[in-house]
Amino acid sequence: MLDRCVLAARSVDVPIDAENGREANIFRVAAMVMQSSFPFECKTLMACADRYFAANPDELAPVVNVIHQGDIISLPRLRNSLTRKLNAAAR
C-alpha cells in the first residue's frame, strides 16, 4: 500500500485513481499526515482520493475508522514510512 501511495503522490502527468474505497481512504489519511513535509505530493494524493469519493461518497470513512480497520497501524509509523519512500523516490 505504501508503494501505491508513493505512485499516486508522484503521478502528475497521468493521475492515478484509487482502485477502491479502502485505497482512497488510505490516500486521504496519508495526505493529511504528510501535508507539512510534502505539500505538492499531498495535493496530488488527496486529488486521487477526492476523485474516487466524488463518484462514491458513501465510502468516505472517518480517519479513526481507517485506523481501527487495521489499514493503518499508527499515524507516526505511516508518516515515517512514507517519508522514507518519498525521499528515496526523489533520488
PDB file of N, CA and C in Angstrom:
ATOM      1  N   MET A   1       0.815  -1.193   0.000  1.00  0.00           N
ATOM      2  CA  MET A   1       0.000   0.000   0.000  1.00  0.00           C
ATOM      3  C   MET A   1       0.861   1.261   0.000  1.00  0.00           C
ATOM      4  N   LEU A   2       1.996   1.228   0.693  1.00  0.00           N
ATOM      5  CA  LEU A   2       2.882   2.393   0.699  1.00  0.00           C
ATOM      6  C   LEU A   2       3.367   2.713  -0.708  1.00  0.00           C
ATOM      7  N   ASP A   3       3.684   1.672  -1.467  1.00  0.00           N
ATOM      8  CA  ASP A   3       4.149   1.901  -2.839  1.00  0.00           C
ATOM      9  C   ASP A   3       3.059   2.549  -3.690  1.00  0.00           C
ATOM     10  N   ARG A   4       1.810   2.150  -3.479  1.00  0.00           N
ATOM     11  CA  ARG A   4       0.697   2.774  -4.214  1.00  0.00           C
ATOM     12  C   ARG A   4       0.535   4.234  -3.821  1.00  0.00           C
ATOM     13  N   CYS A   5       0.728   4.540  -2.532  1.00  0.00           N
ATOM     14  CA  CYS A   5       0.656   5.932  -2.073  1.00  0.00           C
ATOM     15  C   CYS A   5       1.731   6.767  -2.755  1.00  0.00           C
ATOM     16  N   VAL A   6       2.942   6.240  -2.813  1.00  0.00           N
ATOM     17  CA  VAL A   6       4.045   6.973  -3.450  1.00  0.00           C
ATOM     18  C   VAL A   6       3.764   7.139  -4.935  1.00  0.00           C
ATOM     19  N   LEU A   7       3.307   6.087  -5.591  1.00  0.00           N
ATOM     20  CA  LEU A   7       2.987   6.160  -7.018  1.00  0.00           C
ATOM     21  C   LEU A   7       1.908   7.211  -7.276  1.00  0.00           C
ATOM     22  N   ALA A   8       0.873   7.202  -6.467  1.00  0.00           N
ATOM     23  CA  ALA A   8      -0.210   8.179  -6.635  1.00  0.00           C
ATOM     24  C   ALA A   8       0.271   9.591  -6.333  1.00  0.00           C
ATOM     25  N   ALA A   9       1.094   9.740  -5.313  1.00  0.00           N
ATOM     26  CA  ALA A   9       1.595  11.066  -4.929  1.00  0.00           C
ATOM     27  C   ALA A   9       2.493  11.664  -6.001  1.00  0.00           C
ATOM     28  N   ARG A  10       3.189  10.824  -6.734  1.00  0.00           N
ATOM     29  CA  ARG A  10       4.118  11.292  -7.768  1.00  0.00           C
ATOM     30  C   ARG A  10       3.504  11.295  -9.166  1.00  0.00           C
ATOM     31  N   SER A  11       2.230  10.964  -9.280  1.00  0.00           N
ATOM     32  CA  SER A  11       1.580  10.864 -10.594  1.00  0.00           C
ATOM     33  C   SER A  11       1.052  12.224 -11.035  1.00  0.00           C
ATOM     34  N   VAL A  12       1.876  12.964 -11.717  1.00  0.00           N
ATOM     35  CA  VAL A  12       1.491  14.309 -12.145  1.00  0.00           C
ATOM     36  C   VAL A  12       0.944  14.281 -13.567  1.00  0.00           C
ATOM     37  N   ASP A  13       1.698  13.718 -14.484  1.00  0.00           N
ATOM     38  CA  ASP A  13       1.298  13.712 -15.894  1.00  0.00           C
ATOM     39  C   ASP A  13       0.087  12.817 -16.152  1.00  0.00           C
ATOM     40  N   VAL A  14       0.089  11.642 -15.548  1.00  0.00           N
ATOM     41  CA  VAL A  14      -1.021  10.699 -15.691  1.00  0.00           C
ATOM     42  C   VAL A  14      -1.511  10.360 -14.285  1.00  0.00           C
ATOM     43  N   PRO A  15      -2.560  11.042 -13.830  1.00  0.00           N
ATOM     44  CA  PRO A  15      -3.028  10.821 -12.459  1.00  0.00           C
ATOM     45  C   PRO A  15      -3.465   9.380 -12.215  1.00  0.00           C
ATOM     46  N   ILE A  16      -3.133   8.897 -11.050  1.00  0.00           N
ATOM     47  CA  ILE A  16      -3.544   7.565 -10.610  1.00  0.00           C
ATOM     48  C   ILE A  16      -4.887   7.711  -9.894  1.00  0.00           C
ATOM     49  N   ASP A  17      -5.785   6.798 -10.130  1.00  0.00           N
ATOM     50  CA  ASP A  17      -7.056   6.794  -9.416  1.00  0.00           C
ATOM     51  C   ASP A  17      -7.037   5.696  -8.362  1.00  0.00           C
ATOM     52  N   ALA A  18      -7.680   5.952  -7.249  1.00  0.00           N
ATOM     53  CA  ALA A  18      -7.829   4.925  -6.221  1.00  0.00           C
ATOM     54  C   ALA A  18      -8.667   3.794  -6.805  1.00  0.00           C
ATOM     55  N   GLU A  19      -8.267   2.568  -6.501  1.00  0.00           N
ATOM     56  CA  GLU A  19      -8.967   1.412  -7.052  1.00  0.00           C
ATOM     57  C   GLU A  19     -10.241   1.069  -6.288  1.00  0.00           C
ATOM     58  N   ASN A  20     -10.308   1.478  -5.016  1.00  0.00           N
ATOM     59  CA  ASN A  20     -11.476   1.160  -4.190  1.00  0.00           C
ATOM     60  C   ASN A  20     -11.533   2.117  -3.007  1.00  0.00           C
ATOM     61  N   GLY A  21     -12.575   1.989  -2.209  1.00  0.00           N
ATOM     62  CA  GLY A  21     -12.753   2.876  -1.068  1.00  0.00           C
ATOM     63  C   GLY A  21     -11.657   2.746  -0.033  1.00  0.00           C
ATOM     64  N   ARG A  22     -11.203   1.535   0.192  1.00  0.00           N
ATOM     65  CA  ARG A  22     -10.113   1.312   1.150  1.00  0.00           C
ATOM     66  C   ARG A  22      -8.886   2.111   0.741  1.00  0.00           C
ATOM     67  N   GLU A  23      -8.497   1.991  -0.514  1.00  0.00           N
ATOM     68  CA  GLU A  23      -7.321   2.698  -1.006  1.00  0.00           C
ATOM     69  C   GLU A  23      -7.532   4.214  -0.970  1.00  0.00           C
ATOM     70  N   ALA A  24      -8.696   4.676  -1.349  1.00  0.00           N
ATOM     71  CA  ALA A  24      -8.979   6.117  -1.337  1.00  0.00           C
ATOM     72  C   ALA A  24      -8.898   6.680   0.079  1.00  0.00           C
ATOM     73  N   ASN A  25      -9.403   5.938   1.049  1.00  0.00           N
ATOM     74  CA  ASN A  25      -9.317   6.393   2.440  1.00  0.00           C
ATOM     75  C   ASN A  25      -7.874   6.427   2.929  1.00  0.00           C
ATOM     76  N   ILE A  26      -7.083   5.462   2.546  1.00  0.00           N
ATOM     77  CA  ILE A  26      -5.668   5.449   2.925  1.00  0.00           C
ATOM     78  C   ILE A  26      -4.945   6.611   2.257  1.00  0.00           C
ATOM     79  N   PHE A  27      -5.222   6.871   0.984  1.00  0.00           N
ATOM     80  CA  PHE A  27      -4.616   8.023   0.297  1.00  0.00           C
ATOM     81  C   PHE A  27      -4.946   9.315   1.043  1.00  0.00           C
ATOM     82  N   ARG A  28      -6.198   9.446   1.464  1.00  0.00           N
ATOM     83  CA  ARG A  28      -6.644  10.665   2.146  1.00  0.00           C
ATOM     84  C   ARG A  28      -5.920  10.848   3.475  1.00  0.00           C
ATOM     85  N   VAL A  29      -5.835   9.786   4.259  1.00  0.00           N
ATOM     86  CA  VAL A  29      -5.150   9.869   5.554  1.00  0.00           C
ATOM     87  C   VAL A  29      -3.661  10.126   5.350  1.00  0.00           C
ATOM     88  N   ALA A  30      -3.063   9.456   4.384  1.00  0.00           N
ATOM     89  CA  ALA A  30      -1.640   9.671   4.098  1.00  0.00           C
ATOM     90  C   ALA A  30      -1.386  11.123   3.710  1.00  0.00           C
ATOM     91  N   ALA A  31      -2.249  11.688   2.903  1.00  0.00           N
ATOM     92  CA  ALA A  31      -2.094  13.093   2.506  1.00  0.00           C
ATOM     93  C   ALA A  31      -2.189  14.012   3.715  1.00  0.00           C
ATOM     94  N   MET A  32      -3.062  13.692   4.636  1.00  0.00           N
ATOM     95  CA  MET A  32      -3.212  14.515   5.839  1.00  0.00           C
ATOM     96  C   MET A  32      -1.953  14.500   6.704  1.00  0.00           C
ATOM     97  N   VAL A  33      -1.367  13.329   6.903  1.00  0.00           N
ATOM     98  CA  VAL A  33      -0.216  13.243   7.807  1.00  0.00           C
ATOM     99  C   VAL A  33       1.076  13.732   7.166  1.00  0.00           C
ATOM    100  N   MET A  34       1.137  13.781   5.845  1.00  0.00           N
ATOM    101  CA  MET A  34       2.365  14.190   5.153  1.00  0.00           C
ATOM    102  C   MET A  34       2.309  15.635   4.665  1.00  0.00           C
ATOM    103  N   GLN A  35       1.226  16.317   4.907  1.00  0.00           N
ATOM    104  CA  GLN A  35       0.963  17.636   4.326  1.00  0.00           C
ATOM    105  C   GLN A  35       2.073  18.654   4.562  1.00  0.00           C
ATOM    106  N   SER A  36       2.632  18.714   5.748  1.00  0.00           N
ATOM    107  CA  SER A  36       3.644  19.742   6.026  1.00  0.00           C
ATOM    108  C   SER A  36       4.992  19.409   5.399  1.00  0.00           C
ATOM    109  N   SER A  37       5.295  18.137   5.233  1.00  0.00           N
ATOM    110  CA  SER A  37       6.593  17.732   4.683  1.00  0.00           C
ATOM    111  C   SER A  37       6.612  17.654   3.161  1.00  0.00           C
ATOM    112  N   PHE A  38       5.516  17.243   2.575  1.00  0.00           N
ATOM    113  CA  PHE A  38       5.429  17.039   1.127  1.00  0.00           C
ATOM    114  C   PHE A  38       4.131  17.657   0.598  1.00  0.00           C
ATOM    115  N   PRO A  39       4.011  18.972   0.615  1.00  0.00           N
ATOM    116  CA  PRO A  39       2.733  19.599   0.236  1.00  0.00           C
ATOM    117  C   PRO A  39       2.295  19.306  -1.194  1.00  0.00           C
ATOM    118  N   PHE A  40       3.219  19.311  -2.144  1.00  0.00           N
ATOM    119  CA  PHE A  40       2.846  19.053  -3.537  1.00  0.00           C
ATOM    120  C   PHE A  40       2.333  17.624  -3.704  1.00  0.00           C
ATOM    121  N   GLU A  41       3.084  16.676  -3.161  1.00  0.00           N
ATOM    122  CA  GLU A  41       2.694  15.270  -3.269  1.00  0.00           C
ATOM    123  C   GLU A  41       1.359  15.014  -2.570  1.00  0.00           C
ATOM    124  N   CYS A  42       1.147  15.706  -1.455  1.00  0.00           N
ATOM    125  CA  CYS A  42      -0.100  15.514  -0.713  1.00  0.00           C
ATOM    126  C   CYS A  42      -1.304  16.060  -1.466  1.00  0.00           C
ATOM    127  N   LYS A  43      -1.122  17.157  -2.179  1.00  0.00           N
ATOM    128  CA  LYS A  43      -2.218  17.670  -3.016  1.00  0.00           C
ATOM    129  C   LYS A  43      -2.586  16.650  -4.084  1.00  0.00           C
ATOM    130  N   THR A  44      -1.572  16.051  -4.690  1.00  0.00           N
ATOM    131  CA  THR A  44      -1.806  15.044  -5.722  1.00  0.00           C
ATOM    132  C   THR A  44      -2.492  13.819  -5.133  1.00  0.00           C
ATOM    133  N   LEU A  45      -2.019  13.374  -3.976  1.00  0.00           N
ATOM    134  CA  LEU A  45      -2.595  12.208  -3.312  1.00  0.00           C
ATOM    135  C   LEU A  45      -4.040  12.469  -2.889  1.00  0.00           C
ATOM    136  N   MET A  46      -4.295  13.644  -2.350  1.00  0.00           N
ATOM    137  CA  MET A  46      -5.657  13.998  -1.940  1.00  0.00           C
ATOM    138  C   MET A  46      -6.573  14.091  -3.161  1.00  0.00           C
ATOM    139  N   ALA A  47      -6.055  14.585  -4.274  1.00  0.00           N
ATOM    140  CA  ALA A  47      -6.854  14.666  -5.503  1.00  0.00           C
ATOM    141  C   ALA A  47      -7.255  13.273  -5.976  1.00  0.00           C
ATOM    142  N   CYS A  48      -6.367  12.299  -5.823  1.00  0.00           N
ATOM    143  CA  CYS A  48      -6.696  10.914  -6.182  1.00  0.00           C
ATOM    144  C   CYS A  48      -7.871  10.418  -5.344  1.00  0.00           C
ATOM    145  N   ALA A  49      -7.808  10.689  -4.047  1.00  0.00           N
ATOM    146  CA  ALA A  49      -8.894  10.277  -3.152  1.00  0.00           C
ATOM    147  C   ALA A  49     -10.177  11.038  -3.471  1.00  0.00           C
ATOM    148  N   ASP A  50     -10.055  12.341  -3.698  1.00  0.00           N
ATOM    149  CA  ASP A  50     -11.240  13.163  -3.983  1.00  0.00           C
ATOM    150  C   ASP A  50     -11.968  12.693  -5.236  1.00  0.00           C
ATOM    151  N   ARG A  51     -11.220  12.311  -6.266  1.00  0.00           N
ATOM    152  CA  ARG A  51     -11.865  11.813  -7.494  1.00  0.00           C
ATOM    153  C   ARG A  51     -12.677  10.556  -7.198  1.00  0.00           C
ATOM    154  N   TYR A  52     -12.123   9.673  -6.384  1.00  0.00           N
ATOM    155  CA  TYR A  52     -12.847   8.452  -6.038  1.00  0.00           C
ATOM    156  C   TYR A  52     -14.107   8.780  -5.236  1.00  0.00           C
ATOM    157  N   PHE A  53     -13.965   9.641  -4.221  1.00  0.00           N
ATOM    158  CA  PHE A  53     -15.103   9.952  -3.357  1.00  0.00           C
ATOM    159  C   PHE A  53     -16.161  10.795  -4.058  1.00  0.00           C
ATOM    160  N   ALA A  54     -15.799  11.500  -5.109  1.00  0.00           N
ATOM    161  CA  ALA A  54     -16.797  12.238  -5.886  1.00  0.00           C
ATOM    162  C   ALA A  54     -17.798  11.268  -6.516  1.00  0.00           C
ATOM    163  N   ALA A  55     -17.313  10.102  -6.913  1.00  0.00           N
ATOM    164  CA  ALA A  55     -18.176   9.088  -7.518  1.00  0.00           C
ATOM    165  C   ALA A  55     -18.758   8.117  -6.484  1.00  0.00           C
ATOM    166  N   ASN A  56     -18.114   8.024  -5.317  1.00  0.00           N
ATOM    167  CA  ASN A  56     -18.521   7.058  -4.290  1.00  0.00           C
ATOM    168  C   ASN A  56     -18.530   7.710  -2.908  1.00  0.00           C
ATOM    169  N   PRO A  57     -19.355   8.721  -2.690  1.00  0.00           N
ATOM    170  CA  PRO A  57     -19.296   9.474  -1.429  1.00  0.00           C
ATOM    171  C   PRO A  57     -19.608   8.642  -0.186  1.00  0.00           C
ATOM    172  N   ASP A  58     -20.366   7.583  -0.340  1.00  0.00           N
ATOM    173  CA  ASP A  58     -20.729   6.756   0.812  1.00  0.00           C
ATOM    174  C   ASP A  58     -19.559   5.929   1.346  1.00  0.00           C
ATOM    175  N   GLU A  59     -18.444   5.877   0.618  1.00  0.00           N
ATOM    176  CA  GLU A  59     -17.287   5.097   1.055  1.00  0.00           C
ATOM    177  C   GLU A  59     -16.260   5.922   1.827  1.00  0.00           C
ATOM    178  N   LEU A  60     -16.488   7.217   1.953  1.00  0.00           N
ATOM    179  CA  LEU A  60     -15.595   8.076   2.729  1.00  0.00           C
ATOM    180  C   LEU A  60     -15.735   7.719   4.207  1.00  0.00           C
ATOM    181  N   ALA A  61     -14.618   7.352   4.829  1.00  0.00           N
ATOM    182  CA  ALA A  61     -14.643   6.914   6.229  1.00  0.00           C
ATOM    183  C   ALA A  61     -13.887   7.899   7.114  1.00  0.00           C
ATOM    184  N   PRO A  62     -14.339   8.068   8.351  1.00  0.00           N
ATOM    185  CA  PRO A  62     -13.576   8.890   9.289  1.00  0.00           C
ATOM    186  C   PRO A  62     -12.190   8.277   9.518  1.00  0.00           C
ATOM    187  N   VAL A  63     -11.217   9.125   9.796  1.00  0.00           N
ATOM    188  CA  VAL A  63      -9.840   8.664   9.993  1.00  0.00           C
ATOM    189  C   VAL A  63      -9.784   7.565  11.047  1.00  0.00           C
ATOM    190  N   VAL A  64     -10.503   7.742  12.128  1.00  0.00           N
ATOM    191  CA  VAL A  64     -10.468   6.756  13.212  1.00  0.00           C
ATOM    192  C   VAL A  64     -10.923   5.384  12.721  1.00  0.00           C
ATOM    193  N   ASN A  65     -11.886   5.340  11.820  1.00  0.00           N
ATOM    194  CA  ASN A  65     -12.335   4.057  11.268  1.00  0.00           C
ATOM    195  C   ASN A  65     -11.263   3.417  10.400  1.00  0.00           C
ATOM    196  N   VAL A  66     -10.560   4.225   9.623  1.00  0.00           N
ATOM    197  CA  VAL A  66      -9.492   3.702   8.762  1.00  0.00           C
ATOM    198  C   VAL A  66      -8.407   3.071   9.636  1.00  0.00           C
ATOM    199  N   ILE A  67      -8.101   3.715  10.746  1.00  0.00           N
ATOM    200  CA  ILE A  67      -7.085   3.176  11.660  1.00  0.00           C
ATOM    201  C   ILE A  67      -7.597   1.913  12.347  1.00  0.00           C
ATOM    202  N   HIS A  68      -8.831   1.939  12.848  1.00  0.00           N
ATOM    203  CA  HIS A  68      -9.378   0.784  13.564  1.00  0.00           C
ATOM    204  C   HIS A  68      -9.582  -0.429  12.659  1.00  0.00           C
ATOM    205  N   GLN A  69      -9.744  -0.201  11.365  1.00  0.00           N
ATOM    206  CA  GLN A  69      -9.910  -1.326  10.442  1.00  0.00           C
ATOM    207  C   GLN A  69      -8.594  -2.047  10.202  1.00  0.00           C
ATOM    208  N   GLY A  70      -7.495  -1.474  10.692  1.00  0.00           N
ATOM    209  CA  GLY A  70      -6.198  -2.120  10.554  1.00  0.00           C
ATOM    210  C   GLY A  70      -5.444  -1.755   9.296  1.00  0.00           C
ATOM    211  N   ASP A  71      -6.009  -0.874   8.474  1.00  0.00           N
ATOM    212  CA  ASP A  71      -5.313  -0.474   7.257  1.00  0.00           C
ATOM    213  C   ASP A  71      -4.095   0.385   7.576  1.00  0.00           C
ATOM    214  N   ILE A  72      -4.166   1.131   8.665  1.00  0.00           N
ATOM    215  CA  ILE A  72      -3.058   1.964   9.124  1.00  0.00           C
ATOM    216  C   ILE A  72      -2.817   1.607  10.583  1.00  0.00           C
ATOM    217  N   ILE A  73      -1.599   1.182  10.899  1.00  0.00           N
ATOM    218  CA  ILE A  73      -1.294   0.763  12.263  1.00  0.00           C
ATOM    219  C   ILE A  73      -1.168   1.967  13.185  1.00  0.00           C
ATOM    220  N   SER A  74      -0.427   2.973  12.742  1.00  0.00           N
ATOM    221  CA  SER A  74      -0.309   4.210  13.519  1.00  0.00           C
ATOM    222  C   SER A  74       0.053   5.349  12.575  1.00  0.00           C
ATOM    223  N   LEU A  75      -0.401   6.544  12.899  1.00  0.00           N
ATOM    224  CA  LEU A  75      -0.118   7.703  12.049  1.00  0.00           C
ATOM    225  C   LEU A  75       1.369   8.042  12.023  1.00  0.00           C
ATOM    226  N   PRO A  76       2.087   8.004  13.159  1.00  0.00           N
ATOM    227  CA  PRO A  76       3.528   8.272  13.093  1.00  0.00           C
ATOM    228  C   PRO A  76       4.278   7.247  12.236  1.00  0.00           C
ATOM    229  N   ARG A  77       3.879   5.993  12.335  1.00  0.00           N
ATOM    230  CA  ARG A  77       4.536   4.961  11.516  1.00  0.00           C
ATOM    231  C   ARG A  77       4.259   5.198  10.029  1.00  0.00           C
ATOM    232  N   LEU A  78       3.031   5.544   9.706  1.00  0.00           N
ATOM    233  CA  LEU A  78       2.683   5.856   8.318  1.00  0.00           C
ATOM    234  C   LEU A  78       3.514   7.029   7.818  1.00  0.00           C
ATOM    235  N   ARG A  79       3.578   8.096   8.604  1.00  0.00           N
ATOM    236  CA  ARG A  79       4.347   9.285   8.221  1.00  0.00           C
ATOM    237  C   ARG A  79       5.824   8.943   8.005  1.00  0.00           C
ATOM    238  N   ASN A  80       6.424   8.199   8.928  1.00  0.00           N
ATOM    239  CA  ASN A  80       7.838   7.843   8.811  1.00  0.00           C
ATOM    240  C   ASN A  80       8.106   6.953   7.601  1.00  0.00           C
ATOM    241  N   SER A  81       7.260   5.977   7.389  1.00  0.00           N
ATOM    242  CA  SER A  81       7.438   5.067   6.249  1.00  0.00           C
ATOM    243  C   SER A  81       7.286   5.806   4.925  1.00  0.00           C
ATOM    244  N   LEU A  82       6.283   6.660   4.828  1.00  0.00           N
ATOM    245  CA  LEU A  82       6.081   7.421   3.589  1.00  0.00           C
ATOM    246  C   LEU A  82       7.193   8.437   3.365  1.00  0.00           C
ATOM    247  N   THR A  83       7.693   9.041   4.431  1.00  0.00           N
ATOM    248  CA  THR A  83       8.806   9.987   4.295  1.00  0.00           C
ATOM    249  C   THR A  83      10.010   9.289   3.685  1.00  0.00           C
ATOM    250  N   ARG A  84      10.339   8.105   4.199  1.00  0.00           N
ATOM    251  CA  ARG A  84      11.477   7.347   3.647  1.00  0.00           C
ATOM    252  C   ARG A  84      11.252   7.018   2.176  1.00  0.00           C
ATOM    253  N   LYS A  85      10.065   6.535   1.854  1.00  0.00           N
ATOM    254  CA  LYS A  85       9.796   6.136   0.469  1.00  0.00           C
ATOM    255  C   LYS A  85       9.754   7.334  -0.483  1.00  0.00           C
ATOM    256  N   LEU A  86       9.155   8.429  -0.065  1.00  0.00           N
ATOM    257  CA  LEU A  86       9.107   9.615  -0.932  1.00  0.00           C
ATOM    258  C   LEU A  86      10.494  10.219  -1.120  1.00  0.00           C
ATOM    259  N   ASN A  87      11.297  10.229  -0.070  1.00  0.00           N
ATOM    260  CA  ASN A  87      12.671  10.721  -0.210  1.00  0.00           C
ATOM    261  C   ASN A  87      13.485   9.820  -1.125  1.00  0.00           C
ATOM    262  N   ALA A  88      13.303   8.513  -1.010  1.00  0.00           N
ATOM    263  CA  ALA A  88      14.021   7.572  -1.870  1.00  0.00           C
ATOM    264  C   ALA A  88      13.568   7.709  -3.323  1.00  0.00           C
ATOM    265  N   ALA A  89      12.284   7.941  -3.535  1.00  0.00           N
ATOM    266  CA  ALA A  89      11.757   8.086  -4.898  1.00  0.00           C
ATOM    267  C   ALA A  89      12.249   9.365  -5.556  1.00  0.00           C
ATOM    268  N   ALA A  90      12.605  10.347  -4.746  1.00  0.00           N
ATOM    269  CA  ALA A  90      13.072  11.632  -5.289  1.00  0.00           C
ATOM    270  C   ALA A  90      14.501  11.546  -5.802  1.00  0.00           C
ATOM    271  N   ARG A  91      15.215  10.535  -5.400  1.00  0.00           N
ATOM    272  CA  ARG A  91      16.625  10.402  -5.816  1.00  0.00           C
ATOM    273  C   ARG A  91      16.771   9.802  -7.174  1.00  0.00           C
TER     274      ARG A  91
END
